[in-house]
Amino acid sequence: MKKSKLLLILLPLLLITGCSSYIELNQLGIVNLLGIDYKEDGYHLYISIIEGEKEDGTLSKNTTVYDATGDSLDQAFHHLYLKSNKKIYLSHMDALVLTEDAIQKRLSEIIPYLLSQKEIRNNFNLLQFQGKIDTLFDKKIESKEINELIKTNQQYMGTTHSITFEKFLEELLIDKNTYLPLISYQKELEIEGLSLIQNYKILGTLSPEDTILINILKNNINQAIYQNTTIYKNETNLKYKKNQITFSIHMEVNHQEKDLAKNLEQDMKRLLIYYQNQGYDLMKLEYRMHQNHLFSFRNKQTLLDQIKLKFELEIKTTDNYLERKLST
């Protein structure tokens, strides 16, 4: 008898809780993609949100884009909130897109602002958009489409590499240089390589081909195509001796173009030395040398300038039956 009374008391509470959650979800505008640009008149914000709409007793999803401007990020977000009849919810944001102007002029302001927002997590992907960012949002492209493009090209082409906001901060704070995946939109989304960031500014851009070289050196290649050669497997190990770093590279390819090993070595060395001369440590070699307790350098000299590079390449040709069959 007591159990029956308890159930009668709890049942209305359970029903009320369920309805409350349903109504709350129906009133949320869940942001999946955020874009930040900066012009002479201030910040330009763009958001792609998934709004819950009640239709025939069910909750359907509808993607809506809002944009707003403001002298500050606070003001721009305030103007965004005024345009939506839903509560804008940033906790489930999957990607943040920054323009070149936003990075060059306001990155040192944007980062602290995002960190101060308790509802924003740090595990969203960060990237740079090349071109007019309103084009991206006019097409109502969602973060899932962007993230999958980067993931696919990272895994099968080696032409880019994803980075989370948390990892971006870690690299920027430790040695003041990091990178951002670079995308554009013409008739469709396209990978443009990597944008190199140093001291909250853009130092330069790696083309998709140069990005493949860096991913080989960083042992980040699952598969790639370099100069008409398909790389199936790659393993790169680093050896340290005094002020010399040796890149020991073992690779399997479908066929070897003439002088493939020589061309790879020349291209890798060219790329590393070019940025080394600009004071940008593409491979974070200084950090690696310090990790290995190699202190055979004068304190007054820049460690990066003293590092010597050596390459050992072992390339094996492998017949990939699956690829050969698909091409016939």
Protein backbone atom coordinates (compact mmCIF):
# COMPACT_ATOMS: atom_id res chain seq x y z
CA MET A 1 0.00 0.00 0.00
CA LYS A 2 2.83 2.37 0.89
CA LYS A 3 4.61 1.55 -2.40
CA SER A 4 1.46 2.37 -4.38
CA LYS A 5 1.14 5.76 -2.68
CA LEU A 6 4.83 6.52 -3.35
CA LEU A 7 4.39 5.75 -7.06
CA LEU A 8 1.35 8.01 -7.25
CA ILE A 9 3.40 10.85 -5.75
CA LEU A 10 6.48 10.33 -7.98
CA LEU A 11 4.66 9.82 -11.28
CA PRO A 12 3.50 13.45 -11.73
CA LEU A 13 7.04 14.65 -10.84
CA LEU A 14 8.59 12.43 -13.52
CA LEU A 15 6.11 13.66 -16.09
CA ILE A 16 6.77 17.29 -15.19
CA THR A 17 10.56 16.78 -15.45
CA GLY A 18 10.21 15.22 -18.90
CA CYS A 19 8.07 18.05 -20.22
CA SER A 20 10.40 20.66 -18.74
CA SER A 21 13.44 19.19 -20.53
CA TYR A 22 11.50 18.96 -23.79
CA ILE A 23 10.39 22.60 -23.64
CA GLU A 24 13.92 23.73 -22.74
CA LEU A 25 15.43 21.91 -25.74
CA ASN A 26 12.77 23.40 -27.99
CA GLN A 27 13.87 26.86 -26.89
CA LEU A 28 17.59 26.37 -27.60
CA GLY A 29 19.54 27.52 -30.64
CA ILE A 30 22.49 25.10 -30.62
CA VAL A 31 25.54 26.65 -32.33
CA ASN A 32 27.56 24.20 -34.41
CA LEU A 33 29.75 26.70 -36.29
CA LEU A 34 31.05 30.14 -35.27
CA GLY A 35 32.86 32.56 -37.58
CA ILE A 36 34.80 35.65 -36.53
CA ASP A 37 35.96 38.40 -38.91
CA TYR A 38 37.33 41.86 -38.16
CA LYS A 39 36.97 44.99 -40.28
CA GLU A 40 37.45 48.72 -39.79
CA ASP A 41 33.98 49.01 -38.28
CA GLY A 42 34.67 46.26 -35.72
CA TYR A 43 33.94 42.57 -35.24
CA HIS A 44 31.73 40.63 -37.63
CA LEU A 45 30.27 37.47 -36.13
CA TYR A 46 28.50 34.63 -37.91
CA ILE A 47 26.82 31.63 -36.34
CA SER A 48 25.17 28.57 -37.79
CA ILE A 49 22.70 27.21 -35.27
CA ILE A 50 20.45 24.19 -35.07
CA GLU A 51 17.07 25.26 -33.77
CA GLY A 52 14.52 22.83 -32.41
CA GLU A 53 11.11 23.35 -33.94
CA LYS A 54 7.92 21.64 -32.82
CA GLU A 55 6.06 19.99 -35.68
CA ASP A 56 3.21 17.51 -35.25
CA GLY A 57 4.22 16.84 -31.67
CA THR A 58 7.84 16.03 -32.63
CA LEU A 59 11.06 18.03 -32.42
CA SER A 60 12.64 18.75 -35.83
CA LYS A 61 15.98 20.40 -36.62
CA ASN A 62 16.40 23.50 -38.75
CA THR A 63 19.72 25.21 -39.53
CA THR A 64 19.64 29.02 -39.38
CA VAL A 65 22.44 31.54 -39.89
CA TYR A 66 22.73 34.83 -38.00
CA ASP A 67 25.33 37.58 -38.30
CA ALA A 68 26.00 40.74 -36.33
CA THR A 69 28.65 43.42 -35.82
CA GLY A 70 30.02 45.24 -32.81
CA ASP A 71 32.94 47.29 -31.56
CA SER A 72 33.78 44.46 -29.16
CA LEU A 73 33.06 40.75 -29.05
CA ASP A 74 30.66 41.30 -26.16
CA GLN A 75 28.71 43.85 -28.18
CA ALA A 76 28.69 41.70 -31.34
CA PHE A 77 27.42 38.65 -29.41
CA HIS A 78 24.79 40.82 -27.74
CA HIS A 79 23.52 41.89 -31.17
CA LEU A 80 23.45 38.24 -32.25
CA TYR A 81 21.34 37.25 -29.26
CA LEU A 82 18.82 39.97 -30.09
CA LYS A 83 18.23 38.45 -33.54
CA SER A 84 17.17 35.01 -32.33
CA ASN A 85 14.04 34.07 -30.41
CA LYS A 86 15.96 31.09 -28.99
CA LYS A 87 18.67 30.95 -26.35
CA ILE A 88 21.95 30.72 -28.26
CA TYR A 89 23.86 27.74 -26.86
CA LEU A 90 27.64 27.61 -27.54
CA SER A 91 28.55 24.52 -25.53
CA HIS A 92 28.14 22.17 -28.52
CA MET A 93 30.13 24.30 -30.98
CA ASP A 94 32.28 21.98 -33.12
CA ALA A 95 34.35 24.48 -35.11
CA LEU A 96 35.50 28.10 -35.03
CA VAL A 97 36.48 29.76 -38.30
CA LEU A 98 38.74 32.83 -38.23
CA THR A 99 39.56 35.15 -41.12
CA GLU A 100 43.03 36.50 -41.86
CA ASP A 101 42.01 39.95 -40.58
CA ALA A 102 40.65 38.50 -37.33
CA ILE A 103 43.94 36.69 -36.71
CA GLN A 104 46.27 39.50 -37.74
CA LYS A 105 44.41 42.25 -35.90
CA ARG A 106 42.59 40.69 -32.97
CA LEU A 107 43.76 37.13 -32.16
CA SER A 108 45.28 38.30 -28.87
CA GLU A 109 41.79 39.59 -27.87
CA ILE A 110 39.77 36.68 -29.25
CA ILE A 111 41.60 33.98 -27.29
CA PRO A 112 41.10 35.52 -23.80
CA TYR A 113 37.45 36.22 -24.61
CA LEU A 114 36.76 32.61 -25.56
CA LEU A 115 38.56 31.37 -22.45
CA SER A 116 36.40 33.65 -20.28
CA GLN A 117 33.16 32.12 -21.59
CA LYS A 118 32.29 29.28 -19.21
CA GLU A 119 29.78 27.68 -21.57
CA ILE A 120 32.36 27.26 -24.38
CA ARG A 121 34.40 24.06 -24.29
CA ASN A 122 38.03 23.93 -25.47
CA ASN A 123 37.79 20.83 -27.68
CA PHE A 124 36.28 22.43 -30.79
CA ASN A 125 38.33 22.52 -34.01
CA LEU A 126 39.98 25.77 -35.00
CA LEU A 127 40.69 26.81 -38.60
CA GLN A 128 41.24 29.75 -40.93
CA PHE A 129 39.05 30.69 -43.88
CA GLN A 130 40.60 32.19 -46.99
CA GLY A 131 38.29 34.66 -48.69
CA LYS A 132 35.02 36.32 -47.68
CA ILE A 133 33.66 34.40 -44.71
CA ASP A 134 30.04 35.35 -45.42
CA THR A 135 30.27 33.05 -48.48
CA LEU A 136 30.76 30.11 -46.15
CA PHE A 137 27.71 30.96 -44.05
CA ASP A 138 25.51 31.95 -47.00
CA LYS A 139 25.79 28.32 -48.15
CA LYS A 140 24.68 27.16 -44.67
CA ILE A 141 27.68 24.85 -44.38
CA GLU A 142 27.79 23.09 -41.02
CA SER A 143 30.83 22.29 -38.89
CA LYS A 144 30.39 18.57 -39.57
CA GLU A 145 31.03 19.09 -43.28
CA ILE A 146 34.18 21.14 -42.59
CA ASN A 147 35.54 18.75 -39.96
CA GLU A 148 34.97 15.73 -42.20
CA LEU A 149 36.73 17.46 -45.12
CA ILE A 150 39.79 18.12 -42.95
CA LYS A 151 39.72 14.62 -41.44
CA THR A 152 39.48 12.92 -44.86
CA ASN A 153 42.28 14.99 -46.40
CA GLN A 154 44.42 14.48 -43.32
CA GLN A 155 43.98 10.71 -43.42
CA TYR A 156 44.14 9.96 -47.15
CA MET A 157 46.02 12.91 -48.69
CA GLY A 158 48.21 14.36 -45.93
CA THR A 159 47.45 17.88 -47.20
CA THR A 160 46.23 19.30 -43.89
CA HIS A 161 46.04 18.55 -40.17
CA SER A 162 43.31 19.35 -37.68
CA ILE A 163 43.91 21.19 -34.42
CA THR A 164 41.67 21.80 -31.42
CA PHE A 165 41.46 25.10 -29.60
CA GLU A 166 43.09 23.49 -26.57
CA LYS A 167 46.07 22.18 -28.61
CA PHE A 168 46.38 25.52 -30.40
CA LEU A 169 46.68 27.32 -27.07
CA GLU A 170 49.18 24.81 -25.73
CA GLU A 171 51.51 25.22 -28.70
CA LEU A 172 51.12 28.99 -28.85
CA LEU A 173 51.92 29.42 -25.15
CA ILE A 174 54.82 26.94 -24.96
CA ASP A 175 56.92 28.08 -27.92
CA LYS A 176 54.83 30.84 -29.52
CA ASN A 177 54.26 29.05 -32.82
CA THR A 178 51.52 26.77 -34.11
CA TYR A 179 49.33 26.32 -37.20
CA LEU A 180 45.76 26.39 -38.48
CA PRO A 181 44.13 24.30 -41.23
CA LEU A 182 43.36 26.64 -44.14
CA ILE A 183 40.19 26.23 -46.22
CA SER A 184 38.39 28.20 -48.92
CA TYR A 185 35.12 28.05 -50.80
CA GLN A 186 34.78 28.52 -54.55
CA LYS A 187 32.18 26.14 -55.92
CA GLU A 188 32.79 23.85 -52.96
CA LEU A 189 34.94 23.60 -49.86
CA GLU A 190 38.65 23.22 -50.62
CA ILE A 191 41.80 22.52 -48.61
CA GLU A 192 44.49 25.20 -49.00
CA GLY A 193 47.15 23.71 -46.69
CA LEU A 194 48.25 25.14 -43.36
CA SER A 195 48.52 28.70 -42.05
CA LEU A 196 51.55 29.20 -39.79
CA ILE A 197 50.97 31.26 -36.65
CA GLN A 198 53.70 32.94 -34.59
CA ASN A 199 53.21 35.44 -31.76
CA TYR A 200 49.48 35.77 -32.57
CA LYS A 201 50.20 36.66 -36.24
CA ILE A 202 50.25 34.78 -39.54
CA LEU A 203 53.86 34.18 -40.58
CA GLY A 204 53.17 32.32 -43.82
CA THR A 205 51.22 29.57 -45.54
CA LEU A 206 52.20 26.01 -46.39
CA SER A 207 50.79 24.74 -49.66
CA PRO A 208 49.06 21.33 -49.61
CA GLU A 209 52.23 19.77 -51.11
CA ASP A 210 54.49 21.36 -48.48
CA THR A 211 52.03 20.22 -45.82
CA ILE A 212 52.58 16.63 -47.01
CA LEU A 213 56.33 17.09 -46.43
CA ILE A 214 55.76 18.37 -42.89
CA ASN A 215 53.34 15.54 -42.11
CA ILE A 216 55.95 13.04 -43.32
CA LEU A 217 58.56 14.59 -41.03
CA LYS A 218 56.12 14.65 -38.10
CA ASN A 219 55.11 11.02 -38.74
CA ASN A 220 51.52 12.11 -39.39
CA ILE A 221 51.06 10.38 -42.76
CA ASN A 222 48.60 7.51 -43.16
CA GLN A 223 48.46 7.87 -46.92
CA ALA A 224 49.39 10.62 -49.36
CA ILE A 225 50.17 11.41 -52.98
CA TYR A 226 53.45 13.24 -53.60
CA GLN A 227 54.62 14.03 -57.15
CA ASN A 228 52.48 11.28 -58.73
CA THR A 229 53.68 8.76 -56.14
CA THR A 230 51.22 7.22 -53.69
CA ILE A 231 52.65 6.79 -50.21
CA TYR A 232 50.96 3.86 -48.47
CA LYS A 233 52.95 3.78 -45.27
CA ASN A 234 55.36 6.12 -43.56
CA GLU A 235 57.36 5.92 -40.36
CA THR A 236 59.66 8.73 -39.29
CA ASN A 237 61.98 8.54 -36.29
CA LEU A 238 64.33 11.22 -35.02
CA LYS A 239 67.89 10.61 -33.85
CA TYR A 240 69.89 13.13 -31.85
CA LYS A 241 73.64 13.63 -31.66
CA LYS A 242 75.05 16.85 -30.25
CA ASN A 243 73.58 19.58 -32.47
CA GLN A 244 72.52 17.23 -35.28
CA ILE A 245 69.03 15.85 -35.82
CA THR A 246 68.62 12.93 -38.22
CA PHE A 247 65.25 12.17 -39.78
CA SER A 248 65.12 8.42 -40.36
CA ILE A 249 62.26 7.85 -42.82
CA HIS A 250 60.89 4.46 -43.91
CA MET A 251 58.23 4.59 -46.59
CA GLU A 252 56.22 2.28 -48.85
CA VAL A 253 55.07 3.62 -52.24
CA ASN A 254 53.27 2.29 -55.31
CA HIS A 255 56.16 3.17 -57.62
CA GLN A 256 59.30 5.29 -57.47
CA GLU A 257 59.68 8.25 -59.75
CA LYS A 258 63.24 8.93 -60.83
CA ASP A 259 65.22 10.55 -57.98
CA LEU A 260 62.22 10.35 -55.62
CA ALA A 261 64.38 10.00 -52.50
CA LYS A 262 66.70 12.79 -53.61
CA ASN A 263 63.79 15.13 -54.42
CA LEU A 264 62.08 14.39 -51.10
CA GLU A 265 65.25 15.12 -49.15
CA GLN A 266 65.90 18.36 -51.04
CA ASP A 267 62.31 19.55 -50.60
CA MET A 268 62.23 18.74 -46.87
CA LYS A 269 65.58 20.41 -46.23
CA ARG A 270 64.57 23.47 -48.27
CA LEU A 271 61.34 23.86 -46.33
CA LEU A 272 62.87 23.47 -42.87
CA ILE A 273 65.82 25.76 -43.53
CA TYR A 274 63.64 28.44 -45.14
CA TYR A 275 61.54 28.83 -41.98
CA GLN A 276 64.52 28.17 -39.71
CA ASN A 277 66.12 31.29 -41.21
CA GLN A 278 62.96 33.23 -40.34
CA GLY A 279 63.09 32.05 -36.74
CA TYR A 280 60.07 29.77 -37.15
CA ASP A 281 60.56 26.25 -35.81
CA LEU A 282 58.33 24.13 -38.06
CA MET A 283 59.25 20.88 -36.32
CA LYS A 284 59.74 22.34 -32.83
CA LEU A 285 63.31 21.10 -32.97
CA GLU A 286 64.48 23.39 -30.15
CA TYR A 287 61.96 21.80 -27.80
CA ARG A 288 63.04 18.31 -28.92
CA MET A 289 66.71 19.12 -28.32
CA HIS A 290 65.97 20.42 -24.83
CA GLN A 291 63.86 17.35 -24.10
CA ASN A 292 66.84 15.17 -24.93
CA HIS A 293 69.11 17.27 -22.67
CA LEU A 294 71.46 18.27 -25.46
CA PHE A 295 72.96 21.52 -24.23
CA SER A 296 76.13 21.77 -26.34
CA PHE A 297 75.30 25.35 -27.35
CA ARG A 298 76.32 28.76 -26.15
CA ASN A 299 73.53 30.52 -24.30
CA LYS A 300 73.96 33.69 -26.34
CA GLN A 301 73.35 31.88 -29.62
CA THR A 302 69.95 30.91 -30.97
CA LEU A 303 69.61 27.16 -30.66
CA LEU A 304 67.59 26.88 -33.86
CA ASP A 305 70.43 28.42 -35.89
CA GLN A 306 72.87 25.78 -34.63
CA ILE A 307 70.80 22.68 -35.42
CA LYS A 308 72.12 20.63 -38.35
CA LEU A 309 69.76 18.47 -40.39
CA LYS A 310 70.39 15.02 -41.83
CA PHE A 311 68.02 12.70 -43.71
CA GLU A 312 68.04 8.93 -44.08
CA LEU A 313 65.38 7.69 -46.51
CA GLU A 314 64.50 4.06 -47.15
CA ILE A 315 61.78 3.74 -49.80
CA LYS A 316 60.22 0.40 -50.66
CA THR A 317 57.99 -0.17 -53.69
CA THR A 318 54.84 -2.15 -52.87
CA ASP A 319 52.17 -3.37 -55.28
CA ASN A 320 48.83 -2.32 -53.83
CA TYR A 321 46.39 -4.82 -55.33
CA LEU A 322 43.26 -2.95 -54.24
CA GLU A 323 44.32 0.33 -55.85
CA ARG A 324 45.37 -1.44 -59.06
CA LYS A 325 42.04 -3.26 -59.25
CA LEU A 326 40.00 -0.08 -58.71
CA SER A 327 41.86 1.75 -61.48
CA THR A 328 41.07 -0.91 -64.12
